[in-house]
Amino acid sequence: VFGDGKQTRSFCYVDDLVDGILRLADSDHSGPVNIGNPNEFTILELAEIISELVGLDLNVVHKELPKDDPKVRQPDISLAKEILGWEPKIQLREGLKKTLDWFSKVV
């Protein structure tokens, strides 16, 4: 984990992302549209959720935070809601669980 792990990120499940991209491709809109999940989690929260889902205690190792690492990343999806009627449906924990289930079947 870079830094103290309190920096936030948002994570969008691939099915939601594909749905948003397809809606944008089918629209008449020609400008940029943010498609993502605006719900933020700290990197430490992400590690904790993964630990719970895989049933293992993780030994989090902290590394120096890169100088250009943003403290917050959160997309503004108001335009996607307005012109595409789109917003994400799958939240982080559910998306990670689906991903883990998929990997356990495929790998």
C-alpha atoms as a PDB file:
ATOM      1  CA  VAL A   1       0.000   0.000   0.000  1.00  0.00           C
ATOM      2  CA  PHE A   2       1.442   3.331  -0.987  1.00  0.00           C
ATOM      3  CA  GLY A   3       1.430   5.899   1.814  1.00  0.00           C
ATOM      4  CA  ASP A   4      -0.909   5.518   4.762  1.00  0.00           C
ATOM      5  CA  GLY A   5      -3.641   3.871   2.669  1.00  0.00           C
ATOM      6  CA  LYS A   6      -6.140   6.619   3.405  1.00  0.00           C
ATOM      7  CA  GLN A   7      -6.216   7.864  -0.172  1.00  0.00           C
ATOM      8  CA  THR A   8      -9.551   7.108  -1.793  1.00  0.00           C
ATOM      9  CA  ARG A   9     -10.437   5.459  -5.054  1.00  0.00           C
ATOM     10  CA  SER A  10     -13.649   4.453  -6.742  1.00  0.00           C
ATOM     11  CA  PHE A  11     -14.105   1.120  -8.487  1.00  0.00           C
ATOM     12  CA  CYS A  12     -16.568   0.326 -11.252  1.00  0.00           C
ATOM     13  CA  TYR A  13     -17.602  -3.256 -11.969  1.00  0.00           C
ATOM     14  CA  VAL A  14     -16.953  -4.257 -15.578  1.00  0.00           C
ATOM     15  CA  ASP A  15     -20.611  -5.084 -16.364  1.00  0.00           C
ATOM     16  CA  ASP A  16     -21.629  -1.577 -15.282  1.00  0.00           C
ATOM     17  CA  LEU A  17     -18.816  -0.067 -17.328  1.00  0.00           C
ATOM     18  CA  VAL A  18     -19.802  -2.000 -20.452  1.00  0.00           C
ATOM     19  CA  ASP A  19     -23.446  -0.977 -19.985  1.00  0.00           C
ATOM     20  CA  GLY A  20     -22.423   2.686 -19.773  1.00  0.00           C
ATOM     21  CA  ILE A  21     -20.173   2.481 -22.835  1.00  0.00           C
ATOM     22  CA  LEU A  22     -22.893   0.776 -24.888  1.00  0.00           C
ATOM     23  CA  ARG A  23     -25.431   3.413 -23.865  1.00  0.00           C
ATOM     24  CA  LEU A  24     -22.974   6.140 -24.847  1.00  0.00           C
ATOM     25  CA  ALA A  25     -22.256   4.464 -28.202  1.00  0.00           C
ATOM     26  CA  ASP A  26     -26.003   4.282 -28.898  1.00  0.00           C
ATOM     27  CA  SER A  27     -26.550   7.940 -27.986  1.00  0.00           C
ATOM     28  CA  ASP A  28     -26.223  11.082 -30.090  1.00  0.00           C
ATOM     29  CA  HIS A  29     -23.808  12.620 -27.570  1.00  0.00           C
ATOM     30  CA  SER A  30     -20.354  13.304 -29.018  1.00  0.00           C
ATOM     31  CA  GLY A  31     -18.482  14.718 -26.024  1.00  0.00           C
ATOM     32  CA  PRO A  32     -16.785  13.112 -23.054  1.00  0.00           C
ATOM     33  CA  VAL A  33     -18.876  11.428 -20.366  1.00  0.00           C
ATOM     34  CA  ASN A  34     -17.520  10.086 -17.089  1.00  0.00           C
ATOM     35  CA  ILE A  35     -18.579   6.500 -16.520  1.00  0.00           C
ATOM     36  CA  GLY A  36     -17.569   5.108 -13.163  1.00  0.00           C
ATOM     37  CA  ASN A  37     -18.735   4.476  -9.646  1.00  0.00           C
ATOM     38  CA  PRO A  38     -18.629   7.596  -7.456  1.00  0.00           C
ATOM     39  CA  ASN A  39     -18.562   5.633  -4.184  1.00  0.00           C
ATOM     40  CA  GLU A  40     -15.119   6.038  -2.639  1.00  0.00           C
ATOM     41  CA  PHE A  41     -13.138   3.599  -0.526  1.00  0.00           C
ATOM     42  CA  THR A  42      -9.759   4.053   1.086  1.00  0.00           C
ATOM     43  CA  ILE A  43      -7.073   1.673  -0.087  1.00  0.00           C
ATOM     44  CA  LEU A  44      -7.029   0.214   3.432  1.00  0.00           C
ATOM     45  CA  GLU A  45     -10.792  -0.414   3.222  1.00  0.00           C
ATOM     46  CA  LEU A  46     -10.229  -2.164  -0.098  1.00  0.00           C
ATOM     47  CA  ALA A  47      -7.570  -4.392   1.470  1.00  0.00           C
ATOM     48  CA  GLU A  48      -9.902  -5.179   4.380  1.00  0.00           C
ATOM     49  CA  ILE A  49     -12.771  -6.141   2.064  1.00  0.00           C
ATOM     50  CA  ILE A  50     -10.487  -8.380   0.007  1.00  0.00           C
ATOM     51  CA  SER A  51      -9.156  -9.976   3.196  1.00  0.00           C
ATOM     52  CA  GLU A  52     -12.704 -10.740   4.351  1.00  0.00           C
ATOM     53  CA  LEU A  53     -13.782 -12.148   0.979  1.00  0.00           C
ATOM     54  CA  VAL A  54     -10.792 -14.467   0.602  1.00  0.00           C
ATOM     55  CA  GLY A  55     -10.819 -15.436   4.278  1.00  0.00           C
ATOM     56  CA  LEU A  56      -7.189 -14.541   4.924  1.00  0.00           C
ATOM     57  CA  ASP A  57      -5.449 -12.066   7.181  1.00  0.00           C
ATOM     58  CA  LEU A  58      -3.415  -9.834   4.903  1.00  0.00           C
ATOM     59  CA  ASN A  59      -0.099  -8.400   5.983  1.00  0.00           C
ATOM     60  CA  VAL A  60      -0.329  -4.904   4.522  1.00  0.00           C
ATOM     61  CA  VAL A  61       3.072  -3.502   3.585  1.00  0.00           C
ATOM     62  CA  HIS A  62       3.319   0.272   3.286  1.00  0.00           C
ATOM     63  CA  LYS A  63       5.554   1.873   0.665  1.00  0.00           C
ATOM     64  CA  GLU A  64       6.435   5.490   0.069  1.00  0.00           C
ATOM     65  CA  LEU A  65       3.606   7.422  -1.550  1.00  0.00           C
ATOM     66  CA  PRO A  66       4.563   8.690  -5.027  1.00  0.00           C
ATOM     67  CA  LYS A  67       4.574  12.492  -5.164  1.00  0.00           C
ATOM     68  CA  ASP A  68       2.018  12.583  -7.992  1.00  0.00           C
ATOM     69  CA  ASP A  69      -0.421  10.155  -6.349  1.00  0.00           C
ATOM     70  CA  PRO A  70      -3.809  11.861  -5.939  1.00  0.00           C
ATOM     71  CA  LYS A  71      -5.455  11.690  -2.518  1.00  0.00           C
ATOM     72  CA  VAL A  72      -8.937  11.351  -4.022  1.00  0.00           C
ATOM     73  CA  ARG A  73     -10.326   9.868  -7.222  1.00  0.00           C
ATOM     74  CA  GLN A  74     -14.053  10.127  -7.696  1.00  0.00           C
ATOM     75  CA  PRO A  75     -15.822  10.477 -11.041  1.00  0.00           C
ATOM     76  CA  ASP A  76     -18.635  12.967 -11.508  1.00  0.00           C
ATOM     77  CA  ILE A  77     -21.250  10.851 -13.285  1.00  0.00           C
ATOM     78  CA  SER A  78     -23.991  13.492 -13.366  1.00  0.00           C
ATOM     79  CA  LEU A  79     -23.805  13.778 -17.168  1.00  0.00           C
ATOM     80  CA  ALA A  80     -24.048   9.984 -17.580  1.00  0.00           C
ATOM     81  CA  LYS A  81     -27.150  10.011 -15.379  1.00  0.00           C
ATOM     82  CA  GLU A  82     -28.651  12.930 -17.293  1.00  0.00           C
ATOM     83  CA  ILE A  83     -28.062  11.950 -20.926  1.00  0.00           C
ATOM     84  CA  LEU A  84     -27.722   8.168 -20.688  1.00  0.00           C
ATOM     85  CA  GLY A  85     -29.950   7.358 -17.725  1.00  0.00           C
ATOM     86  CA  TRP A  86     -26.945   5.416 -16.452  1.00  0.00           C
ATOM     87  CA  GLU A  87     -25.524   4.799 -13.028  1.00  0.00           C
ATOM     88  CA  PRO A  88     -23.651   1.811 -11.627  1.00  0.00           C
ATOM     89  CA  LYS A  89     -25.625  -1.026 -10.065  1.00  0.00           C
ATOM     90  CA  ILE A  90     -22.899  -3.298  -8.666  1.00  0.00           C
ATOM     91  CA  GLN A  91     -21.086  -2.014  -5.581  1.00  0.00           C
ATOM     92  CA  LEU A  92     -17.505  -2.839  -4.647  1.00  0.00           C
ATOM     93  CA  ARG A  93     -18.028  -5.797  -2.308  1.00  0.00           C
ATOM     94  CA  GLU A  94     -20.502  -7.491  -4.666  1.00  0.00           C
ATOM     95  CA  GLY A  95     -18.259  -6.863  -7.680  1.00  0.00           C
ATOM     96  CA  LEU A  96     -15.219  -8.298  -5.918  1.00  0.00           C
ATOM     97  CA  LYS A  97     -17.255 -11.333  -4.841  1.00  0.00           C
ATOM     98  CA  LYS A  98     -18.443 -11.911  -8.421  1.00  0.00           C
ATOM     99  CA  THR A  99     -14.867 -11.555  -9.665  1.00  0.00           C
ATOM    100  CA  LEU A 100     -13.513 -14.016  -7.098  1.00  0.00           C
ATOM    101  CA  ASP A 101     -16.291 -16.490  -7.945  1.00  0.00           C
ATOM    102  CA  TRP A 102     -15.464 -16.187 -11.650  1.00  0.00           C
ATOM    103  CA  PHE A 103     -11.742 -16.744 -11.051  1.00  0.00           C
ATOM    104  CA  SER A 104     -12.425 -19.775  -8.858  1.00  0.00           C
ATOM    105  CA  LYS A 105     -14.401 -21.361 -11.713  1.00  0.00           C
ATOM    106  CA  VAL A 106     -11.968 -20.466 -14.500  1.00  0.00           C
ATOM    107  CA  VAL A 107      -8.565 -20.893 -12.866  1.00  0.00           C
END
